[in-house]
Amino acid sequence: QLMVGPLWRGDASGEKPQCYLTPLGADEFLATNGGRRFLR
């Protein structure tokens, strides 16, 4: 089954906000929160 990870959705607006992912090596990644922010 899929393993659940971090909550990406934050100050998202609109009906279908998008999450954009960027890999950083083998264990880290960046994720946008559907709005103006992104986290590592």
PDB file of all heavy atoms in Angstrom:
ATOM      1  N   GLN A   1       0.840  -1.180   0.000  1.00  0.00           N
ATOM      2  CA  GLN A   1       0.000   0.000   0.000  1.00  0.00           C
ATOM      3  C   GLN A   1       0.884   1.241   0.000  1.00  0.00           C
ATOM      4  O   GLN A   1       2.099   1.156   0.215  1.00  0.00           O
ATOM      5  CB  GLN A   1      -0.918   0.020   1.216  1.00  0.00           C
ATOM      6  CG  GLN A   1      -0.180   0.060   2.547  1.00  0.00           C
ATOM      7  CD  GLN A   1      -1.132   0.007   3.727  1.00  0.00           C
ATOM      8  OE1 GLN A   1      -2.331  -0.157   3.562  1.00  0.00           O
ATOM      9  NE2 GLN A   1      -0.594   0.148   4.933  1.00  0.00           N
ATOM     10  N   LEU A   2       0.268   2.395  -0.268  1.00  0.00           N
ATOM     11  CA  LEU A   2       1.000   3.652  -0.245  1.00  0.00           C
ATOM     12  C   LEU A   2       1.268   4.057   1.204  1.00  0.00           C
ATOM     13  O   LEU A   2       0.397   3.934   2.067  1.00  0.00           O
ATOM     14  CB  LEU A   2       0.207   4.746  -0.949  1.00  0.00           C
ATOM     15  CG  LEU A   2      -0.122   4.525  -2.421  1.00  0.00           C
ATOM     16  CD1 LEU A   2      -0.940   5.701  -2.961  1.00  0.00           C
ATOM     17  CD2 LEU A   2       1.142   4.339  -3.246  1.00  0.00           C
ATOM     18  N   MET A   3       2.478   4.543   1.481  1.00  0.00           N
ATOM     19  CA  MET A   3       2.842   5.046   2.797  1.00  0.00           C
ATOM     20  C   MET A   3       2.499   6.537   2.875  1.00  0.00           C
ATOM     21  O   MET A   3       2.906   7.310   2.006  1.00  0.00           O
ATOM     22  CB  MET A   3       4.336   4.854   3.056  1.00  0.00           C
ATOM     23  CG  MET A   3       4.808   3.410   2.985  1.00  0.00           C
ATOM     24  SD  MET A   3       4.145   2.370   4.304  1.00  0.00           S
ATOM     25  CE  MET A   3       2.931   1.393   3.391  1.00  0.00           C
ATOM     26  N   VAL A   4       1.748   6.923   3.906  1.00  0.00           N
ATOM     27  CA  VAL A   4       1.355   8.322   4.033  1.00  0.00           C
ATOM     28  C   VAL A   4       2.506   9.138   4.595  1.00  0.00           C
ATOM     29  O   VAL A   4       3.203   8.709   5.522  1.00  0.00           O
ATOM     30  CB  VAL A   4       0.090   8.468   4.907  1.00  0.00           C
ATOM     31  CG1 VAL A   4       0.341   7.995   6.324  1.00  0.00           C
ATOM     32  CG2 VAL A   4      -0.421   9.907   4.890  1.00  0.00           C
ATOM     33  N   GLY A   5       2.711  10.309   4.013  1.00  0.00           N
ATOM     34  CA  GLY A   5       3.804  11.178   4.408  1.00  0.00           C
ATOM     35  C   GLY A   5       3.318  12.529   4.891  1.00  0.00           C
ATOM     36  O   GLY A   5       2.252  12.625   5.521  1.00  0.00           O
ATOM     37  N   PRO A   6       4.062  13.585   4.595  1.00  0.00           N
ATOM     38  CA  PRO A   6       3.728  14.902   5.144  1.00  0.00           C
ATOM     39  C   PRO A   6       2.489  15.516   4.509  1.00  0.00           C
ATOM     40  O   PRO A   6       2.098  15.186   3.394  1.00  0.00           O
ATOM     41  CB  PRO A   6       4.973  15.740   4.831  1.00  0.00           C
ATOM     42  CG  PRO A   6       5.579  15.081   3.646  1.00  0.00           C
ATOM     43  CD  PRO A   6       5.323  13.612   3.832  1.00  0.00           C
ATOM     44  N   LEU A   7       1.864  16.404   5.256  1.00  0.00           N
ATOM     45  CA  LEU A   7       0.751  17.201   4.751  1.00  0.00           C
ATOM     46  C   LEU A   7       1.316  18.318   3.889  1.00  0.00           C
ATOM     47  O   LEU A   7       2.064  19.165   4.376  1.00  0.00           O
ATOM     48  CB  LEU A   7      -0.048  17.786   5.918  1.00  0.00           C
ATOM     49  CG  LEU A   7      -1.250  18.670   5.556  1.00  0.00           C
ATOM     50  CD1 LEU A   7      -2.359  17.828   4.953  1.00  0.00           C
ATOM     51  CD2 LEU A   7      -1.748  19.411   6.797  1.00  0.00           C
ATOM     52  N   TRP A   8       0.985  18.304   2.599  1.00  0.00           N
ATOM     53  CA  TRP A   8       1.522  19.344   1.721  1.00  0.00           C
ATOM     54  C   TRP A   8       0.616  20.562   1.675  1.00  0.00           C
ATOM     55  O   TRP A   8       1.092  21.682   1.485  1.00  0.00           O
ATOM     56  CB  TRP A   8       1.731  18.818   0.296  1.00  0.00           C
ATOM     57  CG  TRP A   8       0.476  18.400  -0.450  1.00  0.00           C
ATOM     58  CD1 TRP A   8      -0.007  17.138  -0.582  1.00  0.00           C
ATOM     59  CD2 TRP A   8      -0.432  19.243  -1.164  1.00  0.00           C
ATOM     60  NE1 TRP A   8      -1.169  17.130  -1.328  1.00  0.00           N
ATOM     61  CE2 TRP A   8      -1.444  18.414  -1.702  1.00  0.00           C
ATOM     62  CE3 TRP A   8      -0.492  20.614  -1.414  1.00  0.00           C
ATOM     63  CZ2 TRP A   8      -2.515  18.905  -2.461  1.00  0.00           C
ATOM     64  CZ3 TRP A   8      -1.555  21.117  -2.168  1.00  0.00           C
ATOM     65  CH2 TRP A   8      -2.540  20.273  -2.684  1.00  0.00           C
ATOM     66  N   ARG A   9      -0.675  20.357   1.821  1.00  0.00           N
ATOM     67  CA  ARG A   9      -1.636  21.436   1.577  1.00  0.00           C
ATOM     68  C   ARG A   9      -1.637  22.447   2.712  1.00  0.00           C
ATOM     69  O   ARG A   9      -1.761  22.093   3.882  1.00  0.00           O
ATOM     70  CB  ARG A   9      -3.033  20.860   1.387  1.00  0.00           C
ATOM     71  CG  ARG A   9      -4.053  21.898   0.946  1.00  0.00           C
ATOM     72  CD  ARG A   9      -5.311  21.223   0.428  1.00  0.00           C
ATOM     73  NE  ARG A   9      -6.299  22.216   0.018  1.00  0.00           N
ATOM     74  CZ  ARG A   9      -7.393  21.927  -0.661  1.00  0.00           C
ATOM     75  NH1 ARG A   9      -7.635  20.670  -1.014  1.00  0.00           N
ATOM     76  NH2 ARG A   9      -8.246  22.871  -1.009  1.00  0.00           N
ATOM     77  N   GLY A  10      -1.480  23.722   2.346  1.00  0.00           N
ATOM     78  CA  GLY A  10      -1.468  24.789   3.329  1.00  0.00           C
ATOM     79  C   GLY A  10      -2.481  25.852   2.984  1.00  0.00           C
ATOM     80  O   GLY A  10      -3.686  25.587   2.951  1.00  0.00           O
ATOM     81  N   ASP A  11      -1.999  27.058   2.659  1.00  0.00           N
ATOM     82  CA  ASP A  11      -2.897  28.172   2.359  1.00  0.00           C
ATOM     83  C   ASP A  11      -3.350  28.116   0.911  1.00  0.00           C
ATOM     84  O   ASP A  11      -3.289  29.099   0.178  1.00  0.00           O
ATOM     85  CB  ASP A  11      -2.222  29.506   2.664  1.00  0.00           C
ATOM     86  CG  ASP A  11      -0.931  29.707   1.870  1.00  0.00           C
ATOM     87  OD1 ASP A  11      -0.420  28.722   1.308  1.00  0.00           O
ATOM     88  OD2 ASP A  11      -0.454  30.851   1.827  1.00  0.00           O
ATOM     89  N   ALA A  12      -3.818  26.941   0.486  1.00  0.00           N
ATOM     90  CA  ALA A  12      -4.224  26.756  -0.903  1.00  0.00           C
ATOM     91  C   ALA A  12      -5.564  27.425  -1.158  1.00  0.00           C
ATOM     92  O   ALA A  12      -6.450  27.398  -0.320  1.00  0.00           O
ATOM     93  CB  ALA A  12      -4.309  25.261  -1.226  1.00  0.00           C
ATOM     94  N   SER A  13      -5.690  28.009  -2.329  1.00  0.00           N
ATOM     95  CA  SER A  13      -6.944  28.617  -2.741  1.00  0.00           C
ATOM     96  C   SER A  13      -7.404  27.960  -4.034  1.00  0.00           C
ATOM     97  O   SER A  13      -6.615  27.353  -4.750  1.00  0.00           O
ATOM     98  CB  SER A  13      -6.774  30.128  -2.939  1.00  0.00           C
ATOM     99  OG  SER A  13      -5.804  30.393  -3.930  1.00  0.00           O
ATOM    100  N   GLY A  14      -8.683  28.080  -4.333  1.00  0.00           N
ATOM    101  CA  GLY A  14      -9.208  27.463  -5.545  1.00  0.00           C
ATOM    102  C   GLY A  14      -9.713  26.057  -5.270  1.00  0.00           C
ATOM    103  O   GLY A  14      -9.472  25.468  -4.208  1.00  0.00           O
ATOM    104  N   GLU A  15     -10.418  25.505  -6.248  1.00  0.00           N
ATOM    105  CA  GLU A  15     -11.043  24.203  -6.063  1.00  0.00           C
ATOM    106  C   GLU A  15     -10.035  23.061  -6.100  1.00  0.00           C
ATOM    107  O   GLU A  15     -10.181  22.079  -5.375  1.00  0.00           O
ATOM    108  CB  GLU A  15     -12.107  23.988  -7.137  1.00  0.00           C
ATOM    109  CG  GLU A  15     -13.307  24.930  -7.021  1.00  0.00           C
ATOM    110  CD  GLU A  15     -14.368  24.612  -8.050  1.00  0.00           C
ATOM    111  OE1 GLU A  15     -14.187  23.626  -8.809  1.00  0.00           O
ATOM    112  OE2 GLU A  15     -15.371  25.335  -8.102  1.00  0.00           O
ATOM    113  N   LYS A  16      -9.042  23.148  -6.968  1.00  0.00           N
ATOM    114  CA  LYS A  16      -8.086  22.059  -7.115  1.00  0.00           C
ATOM    115  C   LYS A  16      -6.656  22.584  -7.064  1.00  0.00           C
ATOM    116  O   LYS A  16      -5.988  22.697  -8.093  1.00  0.00           O
ATOM    117  CB  LYS A  16      -8.329  21.312  -8.433  1.00  0.00           C
ATOM    118  CG  LYS A  16      -9.617  20.509  -8.456  1.00  0.00           C
ATOM    119  CD  LYS A  16      -9.707  19.665  -9.721  1.00  0.00           C
ATOM    120  CE  LYS A  16     -10.945  18.798  -9.718  1.00  0.00           C
ATOM    121  NZ  LYS A  16     -11.027  17.938 -10.929  1.00  0.00           N
ATOM    122  N   PRO A  17      -6.166  22.937  -5.879  1.00  0.00           N
ATOM    123  CA  PRO A  17      -4.776  23.403  -5.776  1.00  0.00           C
ATOM    124  C   PRO A  17      -3.810  22.300  -6.149  1.00  0.00           C
ATOM    125  O   PRO A  17      -4.083  21.115  -5.960  1.00  0.00           O
ATOM    126  CB  PRO A  17      -4.636  23.787  -4.301  1.00  0.00           C
ATOM    127  CG  PRO A  17      -5.691  22.993  -3.602  1.00  0.00           C
ATOM    128  CD  PRO A  17      -6.833  22.889  -4.563  1.00  0.00           C
ATOM    129  N   GLN A  18      -2.675  22.684  -6.700  1.00  0.00           N
ATOM    130  CA  GLN A  18      -1.659  21.747  -7.151  1.00  0.00           C
ATOM    131  C   GLN A  18      -0.487  21.720  -6.185  1.00  0.00           C
ATOM    132  O   GLN A  18      -0.109  22.744  -5.615  1.00  0.00           O
ATOM    133  CB  GLN A  18      -1.161  22.137  -8.545  1.00  0.00           C
ATOM    134  CG  GLN A  18      -2.202  21.975  -9.645  1.00  0.00           C
ATOM    135  CD  GLN A  18      -2.427  20.522  -9.999  1.00  0.00           C
ATOM    136  OE1 GLN A  18      -1.534  19.850 -10.493  1.00  0.00           O
ATOM    137  NE2 GLN A  18      -3.631  20.032  -9.737  1.00  0.00           N
ATOM    138  N   CYS A  19       0.083  20.527  -6.023  1.00  0.00           N
ATOM    139  CA  CYS A  19       1.319  20.369  -5.259  1.00  0.00           C
ATOM    140  C   CYS A  19       2.437  20.049  -6.238  1.00  0.00           C
ATOM    141  O   CYS A  19       2.334  19.090  -7.014  1.00  0.00           O
ATOM    142  CB  CYS A  19       1.182  19.249  -4.237  1.00  0.00           C
ATOM    143  SG  CYS A  19       2.712  18.858  -3.362  1.00  0.00           S
ATOM    144  N   TYR A  20       3.501  20.832  -6.214  1.00  0.00           N
ATOM    145  CA  TYR A  20       4.652  20.604  -7.080  1.00  0.00           C
ATOM    146  C   TYR A  20       5.801  20.061  -6.230  1.00  0.00           C
ATOM    147  O   TYR A  20       6.181  20.667  -5.226  1.00  0.00           O
ATOM    148  CB  TYR A  20       5.073  21.900  -7.770  1.00  0.00           C
ATOM    149  CG  TYR A  20       3.996  22.482  -8.656  1.00  0.00           C
ATOM    150  CD1 TYR A  20       3.269  23.605  -8.266  1.00  0.00           C
ATOM    151  CD2 TYR A  20       3.694  21.900  -9.883  1.00  0.00           C
ATOM    152  CE1 TYR A  20       2.282  24.142  -9.070  1.00  0.00           C
ATOM    153  CE2 TYR A  20       2.702  22.423 -10.693  1.00  0.00           C
ATOM    154  CZ  TYR A  20       1.994  23.543 -10.285  1.00  0.00           C
ATOM    155  OH  TYR A  20       1.008  24.061 -11.080  1.00  0.00           O
ATOM    156  N   LEU A  21       6.332  18.913  -6.635  1.00  0.00           N
ATOM    157  CA  LEU A  21       7.404  18.250  -5.906  1.00  0.00           C
ATOM    158  C   LEU A  21       8.722  18.384  -6.663  1.00  0.00           C
ATOM    159  O   LEU A  21       8.746  18.336  -7.894  1.00  0.00           O
ATOM    160  CB  LEU A  21       7.084  16.765  -5.712  1.00  0.00           C
ATOM    161  CG  LEU A  21       5.793  16.423  -4.963  1.00  0.00           C
ATOM    162  CD1 LEU A  21       5.589  14.914  -4.948  1.00  0.00           C
ATOM    163  CD2 LEU A  21       5.811  16.982  -3.549  1.00  0.00           C
ATOM    164  N   THR A  22       9.819  18.510  -5.923  1.00  0.00           N
ATOM    165  CA  THR A  22      11.163  18.546  -6.490  1.00  0.00           C
ATOM    166  C   THR A  22      12.063  17.645  -5.660  1.00  0.00           C
ATOM    167  O   THR A  22      12.252  17.896  -4.463  1.00  0.00           O
ATOM    168  CB  THR A  22      11.746  19.975  -6.473  1.00  0.00           C
ATOM    169  OG1 THR A  22      10.889  20.856  -7.196  1.00  0.00           O
ATOM    170  CG2 THR A  22      13.133  20.000  -7.112  1.00  0.00           C
ATOM    171  N   PRO A  23      12.626  16.571  -6.233  1.00  0.00           N
ATOM    172  CA  PRO A  23      13.503  15.690  -5.452  1.00  0.00           C
ATOM    173  C   PRO A  23      14.842  16.352  -5.146  1.00  0.00           C
ATOM    174  O   PRO A  23      15.367  17.133  -5.948  1.00  0.00           O
ATOM    175  CB  PRO A  23      13.682  14.468  -6.351  1.00  0.00           C
ATOM    176  CG  PRO A  23      13.414  14.969  -7.737  1.00  0.00           C
ATOM    177  CD  PRO A  23      12.434  16.091  -7.607  1.00  0.00           C
ATOM    178  N   LEU A  24      15.384  16.034  -3.969  1.00  0.00           N
ATOM    179  CA  LEU A  24      16.707  16.506  -3.538  1.00  0.00           C
ATOM    180  C   LEU A  24      17.497  15.282  -3.078  1.00  0.00           C
ATOM    181  O   LEU A  24      17.460  14.924  -1.899  1.00  0.00           O
ATOM    182  CB  LEU A  24      16.606  17.523  -2.406  1.00  0.00           C
ATOM    183  CG  LEU A  24      16.073  18.915  -2.719  1.00  0.00           C
ATOM    184  CD1 LEU A  24      15.901  19.701  -1.429  1.00  0.00           C
ATOM    185  CD2 LEU A  24      17.000  19.646  -3.660  1.00  0.00           C
ATOM    186  N   GLY A  25      18.193  14.623  -3.978  1.00  0.00           N
ATOM    187  CA  GLY A  25      18.929  13.430  -3.599  1.00  0.00           C
ATOM    188  C   GLY A  25      17.995  12.253  -3.387  1.00  0.00           C
ATOM    189  O   GLY A  25      16.911  12.175  -3.960  1.00  0.00           O
ATOM    190  N   ALA A  26      18.391  11.311  -2.501  1.00  0.00           N
ATOM    191  CA  ALA A  26      17.647  10.072  -2.314  1.00  0.00           C
ATOM    192  C   ALA A  26      16.610  10.152  -1.199  1.00  0.00           C
ATOM    193  O   ALA A  26      15.688   9.340  -1.167  1.00  0.00           O
ATOM    194  CB  ALA A  26      18.623   8.925  -2.006  1.00  0.00           C
ATOM    195  N   ASP A  27      16.731  11.133  -0.288  1.00  0.00           N
ATOM    196  CA  ASP A  27      15.873  11.141   0.896  1.00  0.00           C
ATOM    197  C   ASP A  27      15.141  12.451   1.133  1.00  0.00           C
ATOM    198  O   ASP A  27      14.292  12.517   2.022  1.00  0.00           O
ATOM    199  CB  ASP A  27      16.704  10.832   2.154  1.00  0.00           C
ATOM    200  CG  ASP A  27      17.314   9.444   2.127  1.00  0.00           C
ATOM    201  OD1 ASP A  27      16.647   8.528   1.622  1.00  0.00           O
ATOM    202  OD2 ASP A  27      18.462   9.305   2.597  1.00  0.00           O
ATOM    203  N   GLU A  28      15.440  13.510   0.396  1.00  0.00           N
ATOM    204  CA  GLU A  28      14.840  14.806   0.657  1.00  0.00           C
ATOM    205  C   GLU A  28      14.122  15.328  -0.583  1.00  0.00           C
ATOM    206  O   GLU A  28      14.465  14.978  -1.714  1.00  0.00           O
ATOM    207  CB  GLU A  28      15.882  15.820   1.120  1.00  0.00           C
ATOM    208  CG  GLU A  28      16.517  15.474   2.460  1.00  0.00           C
ATOM    209  CD  GLU A  28      17.396  16.596   2.991  1.00  0.00           C
ATOM    210  OE1 GLU A  28      17.470  17.664   2.349  1.00  0.00           O
ATOM    211  OE2 GLU A  28      18.022  16.403   4.052  1.00  0.00           O
ATOM    212  N   PHE A  29      13.140  16.193  -0.355  1.00  0.00           N
ATOM    213  CA  PHE A  29      12.403  16.787  -1.469  1.00  0.00           C
ATOM    214  C   PHE A  29      11.780  18.109  -1.034  1.00  0.00           C
ATOM    215  O   PHE A  29      11.633  18.390   0.169  1.00  0.00           O
ATOM    216  CB  PHE A  29      11.321  15.825  -1.981  1.00  0.00           C
ATOM    217  CG  PHE A  29      10.247  15.478  -0.980  1.00  0.00           C
ATOM    218  CD1 PHE A  29       9.036  16.174  -0.964  1.00  0.00           C
ATOM    219  CD2 PHE A  29      10.430  14.459  -0.052  1.00  0.00           C
ATOM    220  CE1 PHE A  29       8.043  15.857  -0.052  1.00  0.00           C
ATOM    221  CE2 PHE A  29       9.441  14.127   0.864  1.00  0.00           C
ATOM    222  CZ  PHE A  29       8.242  14.833   0.863  1.00  0.00           C
ATOM    223  N   LEU A  30      11.437  18.917  -2.022  1.00  0.00           N
ATOM    224  CA  LEU A  30      10.695  20.150  -1.804  1.00  0.00           C
ATOM    225  C   LEU A  30       9.249  19.917  -2.215  1.00  0.00           C
ATOM    226  O   LEU A  30       8.979  19.205  -3.183  1.00  0.00           O
ATOM    227  CB  LEU A  30      11.274  21.303  -2.634  1.00  0.00           C
ATOM    228  CG  LEU A  30      12.760  21.622  -2.447  1.00  0.00           C
ATOM    229  CD1 LEU A  30      13.178  22.718  -3.438  1.00  0.00           C
ATOM    230  CD2 LEU A  30      13.057  22.054  -1.013  1.00  0.00           C
ATOM    231  N   ALA A  31       8.321  20.513  -1.468  1.00  0.00           N
ATOM    232  CA  ALA A  31       6.902  20.404  -1.800  1.00  0.00           C
ATOM    233  C   ALA A  31       6.245  21.766  -1.626  1.00  0.00           C
ATOM    234  O   ALA A  31       6.379  22.400  -0.572  1.00  0.00           O
ATOM    235  CB  ALA A  31       6.214  19.373  -0.904  1.00  0.00           C
ATOM    236  N   THR A  32       5.552  22.240  -2.673  1.00  0.00           N
ATOM    237  CA  THR A  32       4.779  23.466  -2.539  1.00  0.00           C
ATOM    238  C   THR A  32       3.493  23.147  -1.776  1.00  0.00           C
ATOM    239  O   THR A  32       3.044  21.997  -1.722  1.00  0.00           O
ATOM    240  CB  THR A  32       4.436  24.064  -3.913  1.00  0.00           C
ATOM    241  OG1 THR A  32       3.587  23.149  -4.633  1.00  0.00           O
ATOM    242  CG2 THR A  32       5.710  24.306  -4.724  1.00  0.00           C
ATOM    243  N   ASN A  33       2.881  24.179  -1.191  1.00  0.00           N
ATOM    244  CA  ASN A  33       1.713  23.942  -0.332  1.00  0.00           C
ATOM    245  C   ASN A  33       0.398  24.323  -1.002  1.00  0.00           C
ATOM    246  O   ASN A  33      -0.611  24.508  -0.333  1.00  0.00           O
ATOM    247  CB  ASN A  33       1.870  24.692   0.993  1.00  0.00           C
ATOM    248  CG  ASN A  33       1.701  26.202   0.843  1.00  0.00           C
ATOM    249  OD1 ASN A  33       1.770  26.733  -0.271  1.00  0.00           O
ATOM    250  ND2 ASN A  33       1.478  26.882   1.945  1.00  0.00           N
ATOM    251  N   GLY A  34       0.404  24.438  -2.324  1.00  0.00           N
ATOM    252  CA  GLY A  34      -0.802  24.835  -3.041  1.00  0.00           C
ATOM    253  C   GLY A  34      -0.996  26.329  -3.099  1.00  0.00           C
ATOM    254  O   GLY A  34      -1.910  26.820  -3.769  1.00  0.00           O
ATOM    255  N   GLY A  35      -0.149  27.056  -2.402  1.00  0.00           N
ATOM    256  CA  GLY A  35      -0.223  28.512  -2.376  1.00  0.00           C
ATOM    257  C   GLY A  35       1.122  29.122  -2.682  1.00  0.00           C
ATOM    258  O   GLY A  35       1.779  28.780  -3.653  1.00  0.00           O
ATOM    259  N   ARG A  36       1.588  29.993  -1.808  1.00  0.00           N
ATOM    260  CA  ARG A  36       2.811  30.757  -2.058  1.00  0.00           C
ATOM    261  C   ARG A  36       4.064  30.132  -1.473  1.00  0.00           C
ATOM    262  O   ARG A  36       5.163  30.590  -1.761  1.00  0.00           O
ATOM    263  CB  ARG A  36       2.648  32.163  -1.481  1.00  0.00           C
ATOM    264  CG  ARG A  36       1.516  32.968  -2.098  1.00  0.00           C
ATOM    265  CD  ARG A  36       1.348  34.305  -1.423  1.00  0.00           C
ATOM    266  NE  ARG A  36       0.984  34.146  -0.014  1.00  0.00           N
ATOM    267  CZ  ARG A  36       0.870  35.148   0.848  1.00  0.00           C
ATOM    268  NH1 ARG A  36       1.134  36.392   0.447  1.00  0.00           N
ATOM    269  NH2 ARG A  36       0.514  34.926   2.106  1.00  0.00           N
ATOM    270  N   ARG A  37       3.920  29.104  -0.640  1.00  0.00           N
ATOM    271  CA  ARG A  37       5.062  28.587   0.109  1.00  0.00           C
ATOM    272  C   ARG A  37       5.520  27.225  -0.400  1.00  0.00           C
ATOM    273  O   ARG A  37       4.757  26.480  -0.997  1.00  0.00           O
ATOM    274  CB  ARG A  37       4.704  28.469   1.587  1.00  0.00           C
ATOM    275  CG  ARG A  37       4.430  29.795   2.262  1.00  0.00           C
ATOM    276  CD  ARG A  37       4.083  29.595   3.726  1.00  0.00           C
ATOM    277  NE  ARG A  37       3.877  30.891   4.400  1.00  0.00           N
ATOM    278  CZ  ARG A  37       3.560  31.020   5.672  1.00  0.00           C
ATOM    279  NH1 ARG A  37       3.402  29.936   6.432  1.00  0.00           N
ATOM    280  NH2 ARG A  37       3.393  32.209   6.204  1.00  0.00           N
ATOM    281  N   PHE A  38       6.794  26.932  -0.117  1.00  0.00           N
ATOM    282  CA  PHE A  38       7.285  25.573  -0.284  1.00  0.00           C
ATOM    283  C   PHE A  38       8.179  25.231   0.899  1.00  0.00           C
ATOM    284  O   PHE A  38       8.775  26.109   1.537  1.00  0.00           O
ATOM    285  CB  PHE A  38       8.007  25.375  -1.625  1.00  0.00           C
ATOM    286  CG  PHE A  38       9.272  26.167  -1.803  1.00  0.00           C
ATOM    287  CD1 PHE A  38      10.513  25.611  -1.499  1.00  0.00           C
ATOM    288  CD2 PHE A  38       9.242  27.452  -2.327  1.00  0.00           C
ATOM    289  CE1 PHE A  38      11.690  26.327  -1.684  1.00  0.00           C
ATOM    290  CE2 PHE A  38      10.405  28.176  -2.524  1.00  0.00           C
ATOM    291  CZ  PHE A  38      11.638  27.611  -2.204  1.00  0.00           C
ATOM    292  N   LEU A  39       8.222  23.922   1.207  1.00  0.00           N
ATOM    293  CA  LEU A  39       8.973  23.419   2.354  1.00  0.00           C
ATOM    294  C   LEU A  39       9.922  22.330   1.905  1.00  0.00           C
ATOM    295  O   LEU A  39       9.738  21.715   0.840  1.00  0.00           O
ATOM    296  CB  LEU A  39       8.046  22.862   3.440  1.00  0.00           C
ATOM    297  CG  LEU A  39       7.210  23.868   4.236  1.00  0.00           C
ATOM    298  CD1 LEU A  39       5.947  24.234   3.491  1.00  0.00           C
ATOM    299  CD2 LEU A  39       6.871  23.312   5.611  1.00  0.00           C
ATOM    300  N   ARG A  40      10.927  22.088   2.731  1.00  0.00           N
ATOM    301  CA  ARG A  40      11.893  21.018   2.483  1.00  0.00           C
ATOM    302  C   ARG A  40      11.638  19.897   3.483  1.00  0.00           C
ATOM    303  O   ARG A  40      11.552  20.123   4.692  1.00  0.00           O
ATOM    304  CB  ARG A  40      13.318  21.554   2.633  1.00  0.00           C
ATOM    305  CG  ARG A  40      14.422  20.550   2.328  1.00  0.00           C
ATOM    306  CD  ARG A  40      15.770  21.244   2.371  1.00  0.00           C
ATOM    307  NE  ARG A  40      16.874  20.338   2.051  1.00  0.00           N
ATOM    308  CZ  ARG A  40      18.141  20.736   1.918  1.00  0.00           C
ATOM    309  NH1 ARG A  40      18.454  22.016   2.086  1.00  0.00           N
ATOM    310  NH2 ARG A  40      19.081  19.865   1.611  1.00  0.00           N
TER     311      ARG A  40
END
